[in-house]
Amino acid sequence: MDRFLAMKVFARLFARVVEAGSFSKAADALRLPPASVSRTLQALEAHLGARLINRTTRSISITEDGEVYYERCVRVLGEVDDMEASLAQSKTNPKGNINR
């Protein structure tokens, strides 16, 4: 469970950085300090052994590896969200037979 949760957190953070176009905007959206977002992304890149985002003092740009990773993150996170929503919905719908 811990590994899955970590993967979900890393993927959501990475996707947010890409979508926001900056660490500070992503940090604001996630309500985290920008340094935490930067360190987390560095840890993800170290774990993957690939640079996902090129950084300068004024901007970021996604690498080719980052593009591929981002597309997969979005797809997988969408599937996880759908799966969790489906399970939550099945718990609220009545099941079984009604005896008369």
C-alpha atoms as a PDB file:
ATOM      1  CA  MET A   1       0.000   0.000   0.000  1.00  0.00           C
ATOM      2  CA  ASP A   2       2.770   2.469   0.850  1.00  0.00           C
ATOM      3  CA  ARG A   3       4.418   2.091  -2.555  1.00  0.00           C
ATOM      4  CA  PHE A   4       1.127   2.612  -4.378  1.00  0.00           C
ATOM      5  CA  LEU A   5       0.339   5.694  -2.306  1.00  0.00           C
ATOM      6  CA  ALA A   6       3.824   7.093  -2.935  1.00  0.00           C
ATOM      7  CA  MET A   7       3.438   6.499  -6.677  1.00  0.00           C
ATOM      8  CA  LYS A   8       0.089   8.279  -6.638  1.00  0.00           C
ATOM      9  CA  VAL A   9       1.510  11.269  -4.752  1.00  0.00           C
ATOM     10  CA  PHE A  10       4.567  11.549  -7.023  1.00  0.00           C
ATOM     11  CA  ALA A  11       2.453  11.230 -10.174  1.00  0.00           C
ATOM     12  CA  ARG A  12      -0.089  13.842  -9.036  1.00  0.00           C
ATOM     13  CA  LEU A  13       2.658  16.263  -8.018  1.00  0.00           C
ATOM     14  CA  PHE A  14       4.503  15.823 -11.306  1.00  0.00           C
ATOM     15  CA  ALA A  15       1.306  16.256 -13.314  1.00  0.00           C
ATOM     16  CA  ARG A  16       0.440  19.407 -11.365  1.00  0.00           C
ATOM     17  CA  VAL A  17       3.882  20.917 -12.071  1.00  0.00           C
ATOM     18  CA  VAL A  18       3.535  20.190 -15.788  1.00  0.00           C
ATOM     19  CA  GLU A  19      -0.011  21.563 -15.945  1.00  0.00           C
ATOM     20  CA  ALA A  20       0.825  24.667 -13.900  1.00  0.00           C
ATOM     21  CA  GLY A  21       3.987  25.369 -15.850  1.00  0.00           C
ATOM     22  CA  SER A  22       5.946  26.273 -12.732  1.00  0.00           C
ATOM     23  CA  PHE A  23       6.958  24.943  -9.355  1.00  0.00           C
ATOM     24  CA  SER A  24       5.537  27.924  -7.493  1.00  0.00           C
ATOM     25  CA  LYS A  25       2.104  27.701  -9.158  1.00  0.00           C
ATOM     26  CA  ALA A  26       1.994  23.955  -8.535  1.00  0.00           C
ATOM     27  CA  ALA A  27       3.041  24.524  -4.931  1.00  0.00           C
ATOM     28  CA  ASP A  28       0.267  27.095  -4.472  1.00  0.00           C
ATOM     29  CA  ALA A  29      -2.298  24.697  -5.927  1.00  0.00           C
ATOM     30  CA  LEU A  30      -1.054  21.861  -3.716  1.00  0.00           C
ATOM     31  CA  ARG A  31      -0.663  24.150  -0.681  1.00  0.00           C
ATOM     32  CA  LEU A  32       2.959  23.120  -0.282  1.00  0.00           C
ATOM     33  CA  PRO A  33       6.176  25.118  -0.063  1.00  0.00           C
ATOM     34  CA  PRO A  34       7.849  25.435  -3.493  1.00  0.00           C
ATOM     35  CA  ALA A  35      11.030  23.882  -2.080  1.00  0.00           C
ATOM     36  CA  SER A  36       9.077  20.759  -1.114  1.00  0.00           C
ATOM     37  CA  VAL A  37       7.680  20.438  -4.617  1.00  0.00           C
ATOM     38  CA  SER A  38      11.148  20.865  -6.101  1.00  0.00           C
ATOM     39  CA  ARG A  39      12.719  18.310  -3.728  1.00  0.00           C
ATOM     40  CA  THR A  40       9.932  15.810  -4.358  1.00  0.00           C
ATOM     41  CA  LEU A  41      10.356  16.116  -8.107  1.00  0.00           C
ATOM     42  CA  GLN A  42      14.128  15.700  -7.744  1.00  0.00           C
ATOM     43  CA  ALA A  43      13.510  12.524  -5.716  1.00  0.00           C
ATOM     44  CA  LEU A  44      11.176  11.218  -8.423  1.00  0.00           C
ATOM     45  CA  GLU A  45      13.757  11.911 -11.120  1.00  0.00           C
ATOM     46  CA  ALA A  46      16.449  10.187  -9.049  1.00  0.00           C
ATOM     47  CA  HIS A  47      14.191   7.177  -8.523  1.00  0.00           C
ATOM     48  CA  LEU A  48      13.410   6.955 -12.245  1.00  0.00           C
ATOM     49  CA  GLY A  49      16.969   7.717 -13.317  1.00  0.00           C
ATOM     50  CA  ALA A  50      15.679  10.262 -15.830  1.00  0.00           C
ATOM     51  CA  ARG A  51      15.265  14.020 -16.013  1.00  0.00           C
ATOM     52  CA  LEU A  52      11.595  14.858 -16.467  1.00  0.00           C
ATOM     53  CA  ILE A  53      11.775  18.652 -16.367  1.00  0.00           C
ATOM     54  CA  ASN A  54      14.494  21.083 -17.425  1.00  0.00           C
ATOM     55  CA  ARG A  55      14.777  24.018 -15.048  1.00  0.00           C
ATOM     56  CA  THR A  56      16.129  27.509 -15.434  1.00  0.00           C
ATOM     57  CA  THR A  57      15.813  30.396 -13.017  1.00  0.00           C
ATOM     58  CA  ARG A  58      12.835  31.713 -14.986  1.00  0.00           C
ATOM     59  CA  SER A  59      11.080  28.746 -16.521  1.00  0.00           C
ATOM     60  CA  ILE A  60      10.643  25.014 -16.768  1.00  0.00           C
ATOM     61  CA  SER A  61      10.260  22.805 -19.821  1.00  0.00           C
ATOM     62  CA  ILE A  62       9.263  19.185 -19.977  1.00  0.00           C
ATOM     63  CA  THR A  63      11.753  16.723 -21.437  1.00  0.00           C
ATOM     64  CA  GLU A  64      10.905  13.997 -23.918  1.00  0.00           C
ATOM     65  CA  ASP A  65      10.992  11.444 -21.078  1.00  0.00           C
ATOM     66  CA  GLY A  66       8.838  13.822 -19.058  1.00  0.00           C
ATOM     67  CA  GLU A  67       6.227  13.969 -21.836  1.00  0.00           C
ATOM     68  CA  VAL A  68       5.951  10.192 -21.940  1.00  0.00           C
ATOM     69  CA  TYR A  69       5.813   9.964 -18.154  1.00  0.00           C
ATOM     70  CA  TYR A  70       3.222  12.743 -17.940  1.00  0.00           C
ATOM     71  CA  GLU A  71       0.917  11.091 -20.491  1.00  0.00           C
ATOM     72  CA  ARG A  72       1.085   7.820 -18.590  1.00  0.00           C
ATOM     73  CA  CYS A  73       0.567   9.549 -15.232  1.00  0.00           C
ATOM     74  CA  VAL A  74      -2.575  11.244 -16.495  1.00  0.00           C
ATOM     75  CA  ARG A  75      -3.911   7.961 -17.902  1.00  0.00           C
ATOM     76  CA  VAL A  76      -3.126   5.919 -14.790  1.00  0.00           C
ATOM     77  CA  LEU A  77      -4.405   8.549 -12.364  1.00  0.00           C
ATOM     78  CA  GLY A  78      -7.614   8.797 -14.392  1.00  0.00           C
ATOM     79  CA  GLU A  79      -8.064   5.035 -14.164  1.00  0.00           C
ATOM     80  CA  VAL A  80      -7.423   5.066 -10.406  1.00  0.00           C
ATOM     81  CA  ASP A  81      -9.908   7.910  -9.920  1.00  0.00           C
ATOM     82  CA  ASP A  82     -12.526   6.053 -11.995  1.00  0.00           C
ATOM     83  CA  MET A  83     -11.913   2.832 -10.074  1.00  0.00           C
ATOM     84  CA  GLU A  84     -12.240   4.578  -6.705  1.00  0.00           C
ATOM     85  CA  ALA A  85     -15.391   6.440  -7.804  1.00  0.00           C
ATOM     86  CA  SER A  86     -16.926   3.212  -9.064  1.00  0.00           C
ATOM     87  CA  LEU A  87     -16.221   1.458  -5.797  1.00  0.00           C
ATOM     88  CA  ALA A  88     -17.611   4.352  -3.771  1.00  0.00           C
ATOM     89  CA  GLN A  89     -20.766   4.359  -5.900  1.00  0.00           C
ATOM     90  CA  SER A  90     -21.256   0.613  -5.526  1.00  0.00           C
ATOM     91  CA  LYS A  91     -21.202   1.025  -1.745  1.00  0.00           C
ATOM     92  CA  THR A  92     -24.055   3.546  -1.839  1.00  0.00           C
ATOM     93  CA  ASN A  93     -26.312   1.547  -4.146  1.00  0.00           C
ATOM     94  CA  PRO A  94     -28.523  -1.094  -2.484  1.00  0.00           C
ATOM     95  CA  LYS A  95     -27.759  -4.720  -3.279  1.00  0.00           C
ATOM     96  CA  GLY A  96     -29.441  -8.045  -2.761  1.00  0.00           C
ATOM     97  CA  ASN A  97     -32.951  -9.432  -2.836  1.00  0.00           C
ATOM     98  CA  ILE A  98     -35.950  -8.008  -1.069  1.00  0.00           C
ATOM     99  CA  ASN A  99     -37.942 -10.676   0.749  1.00  0.00           C
ATOM    100  CA  ARG A 100     -41.686 -10.264   0.975  1.00  0.00           C
END
